[in-house]
């Protein structure tokens, strides 16, 4: 489900899963994909996404 599908009043479940057990595409490990997204969102992502994955 994407964020755009959420509606007020919906019941959702939030799971906590270690990122090391989630299969990710190789592009997630490419540091060049993060700067434009971080700028647009105003938050740091690369340091978290890339830590412990190499």
Protein backbone atom coordinates (compact mmCIF):
# COMPACT_ATOMS: atom_id res chain seq x y z
CA UNK A 1 0.00 0.00 0.00
CA UNK A 2 1.38 3.39 -0.87
CA UNK A 3 0.96 6.49 1.27
CA UNK A 4 -1.41 7.87 -1.37
CA UNK A 5 -3.84 5.03 -0.67
CA UNK A 6 -4.14 5.79 3.04
CA UNK A 7 -7.36 7.35 4.22
CA UNK A 8 -8.38 8.88 7.54
CA UNK A 9 -9.88 6.22 9.80
CA UNK A 10 -8.15 3.25 8.15
CA UNK A 11 -6.72 0.61 10.46
CA UNK A 12 -3.11 -0.10 9.58
CA UNK A 13 -0.40 -2.21 11.12
CA UNK A 14 3.17 -0.96 11.38
CA UNK A 15 5.83 -3.64 11.47
CA UNK A 16 9.41 -3.26 12.61
CA UNK A 17 11.74 -5.39 10.51
CA UNK A 18 15.54 -5.10 10.51
CA UNK A 19 16.64 -3.63 7.18
CA UNK A 20 19.26 -6.35 6.85
CA UNK A 21 16.57 -9.00 6.23
CA UNK A 22 14.63 -7.08 3.56
CA UNK A 23 15.69 -7.93 -0.01
CA UNK A 24 16.58 -4.70 -1.81
CA UNK A 25 17.37 -3.81 -5.39
CA UNK A 26 20.99 -2.95 -6.13
CA UNK A 27 19.95 0.64 -6.86
CA UNK A 28 19.18 1.12 -3.16
CA UNK A 29 22.87 0.65 -2.43
CA UNK A 30 23.92 3.27 -5.01
CA UNK A 31 24.86 6.48 -3.14
CA UNK A 32 24.19 8.62 -6.23
CA UNK A 33 20.41 8.10 -5.98
CA UNK A 34 20.05 9.86 -2.63
CA UNK A 35 21.06 13.55 -2.98
CA UNK A 36 18.10 14.69 -5.10
CA UNK A 37 15.60 12.78 -2.95
CA UNK A 38 17.13 14.10 0.27
CA UNK A 39 16.96 17.63 -1.07
CA UNK A 40 13.33 17.28 -2.15
CA UNK A 41 12.26 15.71 1.15
CA UNK A 42 14.51 17.80 3.39
CA UNK A 43 15.73 14.74 5.29
CA UNK A 44 18.87 12.64 5.31
CA UNK A 45 18.36 9.13 3.96
CA UNK A 46 21.69 7.88 2.59
CA UNK A 47 23.48 7.55 5.91
CA UNK A 48 20.72 5.33 7.28
CA UNK A 49 20.03 3.40 4.07
CA UNK A 50 23.67 2.63 3.37
CA UNK A 51 24.88 1.86 6.90
CA UNK A 52 25.55 -1.78 7.59
CA UNK A 53 24.71 -2.92 4.04
CA UNK A 54 28.10 -3.23 2.38
